[in-house]
């Protein structure tokens, strides 16, 4: 169920990415950063929201089963893919065009999608999860409890993002390179 909620919320955020981006830069009051590619960077990064939320839901599932190794593997895939893709996209290596800041955004998006795909493979291939994937929740109270817990976790996970936005706002006067 958390996978479905993650997907729905991720799609909603993705659909409103340009609006969210405009709001962030309006709050930061930094037209220089907006014109320097910061808004484009943020728009691209917001496109990865479904992948990130799905990754977090699946890693939470494994951690709930007391398996932290599989989430570690997924994180390593993201890290390695991000390093290779950042190098390729930012500097135009391995036949890729030089994309600069925009390339960094695309690299991170692709790396997170790769990590999410890896986690889905583990989710559906692991013996540990097969029993749980067949469960269907039929009780309304259980769904209400689940939604309550998922909302609390969502708020908990969203607070660092809010803190980052506040941090970005406070340092926006340092120039467009800082925001980007």
Protein backbone atom coordinates (compact mmCIF):
# COMPACT_ATOMS: atom_id res chain seq x y z
CA UNK A 1 0.00 0.00 0.00
CA UNK A 2 2.87 2.37 0.72
CA UNK A 3 4.11 1.74 -2.81
CA UNK A 4 0.76 2.85 -4.23
CA UNK A 5 0.66 5.96 -2.01
CA UNK A 6 4.26 6.78 -2.92
CA UNK A 7 3.48 6.51 -6.60
CA UNK A 8 0.35 8.67 -6.35
CA UNK A 9 2.04 11.38 -4.28
CA UNK A 10 5.11 11.28 -6.52
CA UNK A 11 3.03 11.72 -9.66
CA UNK A 12 1.14 14.64 -8.11
CA UNK A 13 4.40 16.38 -7.16
CA UNK A 14 5.81 15.70 -10.64
CA UNK A 15 2.74 17.21 -12.30
CA UNK A 16 3.10 20.36 -10.22
CA UNK A 17 6.92 20.56 -10.51
CA UNK A 18 7.01 23.83 -12.47
CA UNK A 19 4.65 25.50 -10.01
CA UNK A 20 6.64 24.20 -7.03
CA UNK A 21 9.85 25.42 -8.64
CA UNK A 22 8.41 28.89 -9.22
CA UNK A 23 7.24 29.07 -5.60
CA UNK A 24 10.67 28.05 -4.31
CA UNK A 25 12.41 30.73 -6.34
CA UNK A 26 9.78 33.32 -5.44
CA UNK A 27 10.40 32.58 -1.77
CA UNK A 28 14.16 32.74 -2.32
CA UNK A 29 13.70 36.01 -4.22
CA UNK A 30 16.55 35.08 -6.49
CA UNK A 31 15.85 35.83 -10.16
CA UNK A 32 19.58 35.42 -10.91
CA UNK A 33 19.57 31.80 -9.76
CA UNK A 34 16.33 31.22 -11.64
CA UNK A 35 17.84 32.48 -14.88
CA UNK A 36 21.17 30.72 -14.21
CA UNK A 37 19.61 27.31 -14.57
CA UNK A 38 18.50 26.77 -11.00
CA UNK A 39 14.83 26.57 -11.89
CA UNK A 40 15.53 24.08 -14.68
CA UNK A 41 17.67 22.03 -12.27
CA UNK A 42 14.89 21.97 -9.67
CA UNK A 43 12.25 21.08 -12.27
CA UNK A 44 14.32 18.09 -13.40
CA UNK A 45 15.01 17.01 -9.82
CA UNK A 46 11.30 17.18 -8.96
CA UNK A 47 10.64 14.70 -11.79
CA UNK A 48 12.45 12.04 -9.75
CA UNK A 49 10.00 12.32 -6.85
CA UNK A 50 8.05 9.14 -7.73
CA UNK A 51 11.29 7.15 -7.91
CA UNK A 52 12.57 8.52 -4.61
CA UNK A 53 9.29 7.90 -2.79
CA UNK A 54 9.07 4.36 -4.18
CA UNK A 55 12.68 3.72 -3.17
CA UNK A 56 11.94 4.94 0.36
CA UNK A 57 8.78 2.82 0.60
CA UNK A 58 10.60 -0.32 -0.52
CA UNK A 59 13.61 0.28 1.71
CA UNK A 60 11.23 0.90 4.61
CA UNK A 61 9.56 -2.43 3.85
CA UNK A 62 12.90 -4.24 3.99
CA UNK A 63 13.95 -2.42 7.14
CA UNK A 64 10.65 -3.41 8.73
CA UNK A 65 11.65 -7.00 7.99
CA UNK A 66 14.98 -6.28 9.70
CA UNK A 67 16.94 -6.45 6.46
CA UNK A 68 19.13 -3.39 6.05
CA UNK A 69 21.56 -4.98 3.61
CA UNK A 70 19.24 -4.84 0.58
CA UNK A 71 18.51 -1.10 1.08
CA UNK A 72 22.28 -0.61 1.33
CA UNK A 73 22.73 -2.33 -2.05
CA UNK A 74 20.08 -0.06 -3.57
CA UNK A 75 21.82 3.01 -2.15
CA UNK A 76 25.18 1.84 -3.50
CA UNK A 77 23.65 1.43 -6.98
CA UNK A 78 22.34 5.00 -6.77
CA UNK A 79 25.68 6.34 -5.56
CA UNK A 80 27.77 4.61 -8.25
CA UNK A 81 25.32 5.47 -11.03
CA UNK A 82 25.18 9.09 -9.87
CA UNK A 83 28.98 9.47 -9.81
CA UNK A 84 29.42 7.96 -13.29
CA UNK A 85 26.46 9.84 -14.78
CA UNK A 86 27.42 13.15 -13.15
CA UNK A 87 30.92 12.87 -14.61
CA UNK A 88 29.47 11.96 -18.00
CA UNK A 89 26.71 14.56 -18.17
CA UNK A 90 28.39 17.52 -16.48
CA UNK A 91 31.71 17.31 -18.34
CA UNK A 92 30.57 15.61 -21.54
CA UNK A 93 32.51 12.36 -21.10
CA UNK A 94 31.85 8.94 -22.68
CA UNK A 95 30.27 10.54 -25.74
CA UNK A 96 27.76 12.64 -23.81
CA UNK A 97 27.28 16.37 -24.47
CA UNK A 98 28.49 18.89 -21.87
CA UNK A 99 25.34 19.72 -19.88
CA UNK A 100 26.73 21.38 -16.75
CA UNK A 101 24.23 21.90 -13.93
CA UNK A 102 21.39 20.48 -16.02
CA UNK A 103 23.46 17.34 -16.54
CA UNK A 104 23.85 16.96 -12.78
CA UNK A 105 20.08 17.04 -12.40
CA UNK A 106 19.54 14.45 -15.14
CA UNK A 107 22.29 12.24 -13.72
CA UNK A 108 20.70 12.24 -10.27
CA UNK A 109 17.25 11.56 -11.71
CA UNK A 110 18.51 8.59 -13.75
CA UNK A 111 20.54 7.26 -10.80
CA UNK A 112 17.47 7.33 -8.55
CA UNK A 113 15.37 5.55 -11.18
CA UNK A 114 18.08 2.87 -11.47
CA UNK A 115 18.15 2.44 -7.69
CA UNK A 116 14.37 2.14 -7.57
CA UNK A 117 14.38 -0.51 -10.30
CA UNK A 118 17.04 -2.44 -8.37
CA UNK A 119 14.86 -2.29 -5.24
CA UNK A 120 11.81 -3.52 -7.17
CA UNK A 121 13.84 -6.48 -8.41
CA UNK A 122 14.85 -7.31 -4.84
CA UNK A 123 11.28 -6.80 -3.65
CA UNK A 124 9.83 -9.30 -6.11
CA UNK A 125 12.72 -11.79 -6.15
CA UNK A 126 13.55 -11.99 -2.45
CA UNK A 127 12.28 -15.02 -0.53
CA UNK A 128 11.88 -12.74 2.47
CA UNK A 129 9.17 -10.64 0.82
CA UNK A 130 7.14 -13.23 -1.09
CA UNK A 131 4.84 -13.96 1.85
CA UNK A 132 4.11 -10.30 2.48
CA UNK A 133 3.47 -9.37 -1.14
CA UNK A 134 0.49 -11.74 -1.21
CA UNK A 135 -1.24 -10.09 1.73
CA UNK A 136 -4.29 -7.99 0.95
CA UNK A 137 -5.60 -5.61 3.57
CA UNK A 138 -9.38 -5.77 3.81
CA UNK A 139 -9.99 -4.00 7.09
CA UNK A 140 -10.95 -0.32 7.00
CA UNK A 141 -9.41 0.37 10.41
CA UNK A 142 -6.10 -1.09 9.28
CA UNK A 143 -6.14 1.20 6.25
CA UNK A 144 -6.93 4.21 8.46
CA UNK A 145 -4.07 3.31 10.79
CA UNK A 146 -1.78 2.85 7.82
CA UNK A 147 -2.72 6.24 6.35
CA UNK A 148 -2.12 7.88 9.74
CA UNK A 149 1.32 6.30 10.08
CA UNK A 150 2.21 7.02 6.44
CA UNK A 151 1.23 10.67 6.92
CA UNK A 152 3.37 10.96 10.04
CA UNK A 153 6.33 9.39 8.23
CA UNK A 154 5.75 11.65 5.23
CA UNK A 155 5.86 14.71 7.47
CA UNK A 156 8.99 13.39 9.17
CA UNK A 157 10.67 12.80 5.80
CA UNK A 158 9.46 16.17 4.46
CA UNK A 159 10.94 18.22 7.28
CA UNK A 160 14.54 17.86 6.00
CA UNK A 161 13.38 19.09 2.59
CA UNK A 162 11.71 22.07 4.23
CA UNK A 163 14.88 22.75 6.19
CA UNK A 164 16.85 22.65 2.92
CA UNK A 165 14.48 25.17 1.34
CA UNK A 166 14.86 27.47 4.34
CA UNK A 167 18.64 27.06 4.13
CA UNK A 168 18.51 27.88 0.42
CA UNK A 169 16.41 30.96 1.13
CA UNK A 170 18.83 32.18 3.80
CA UNK A 171 21.84 31.79 1.50
CA UNK A 172 20.19 33.04 -1.70
CA UNK A 173 21.94 36.39 -1.37
CA UNK A 174 25.29 34.68 -2.06
CA UNK A 175 24.52 34.55 -5.78
CA UNK A 176 23.15 32.25 -8.48
CA UNK A 177 25.92 29.65 -8.24
CA UNK A 178 25.05 29.03 -4.60
CA UNK A 179 21.38 28.37 -5.35
CA UNK A 180 22.09 26.23 -8.41
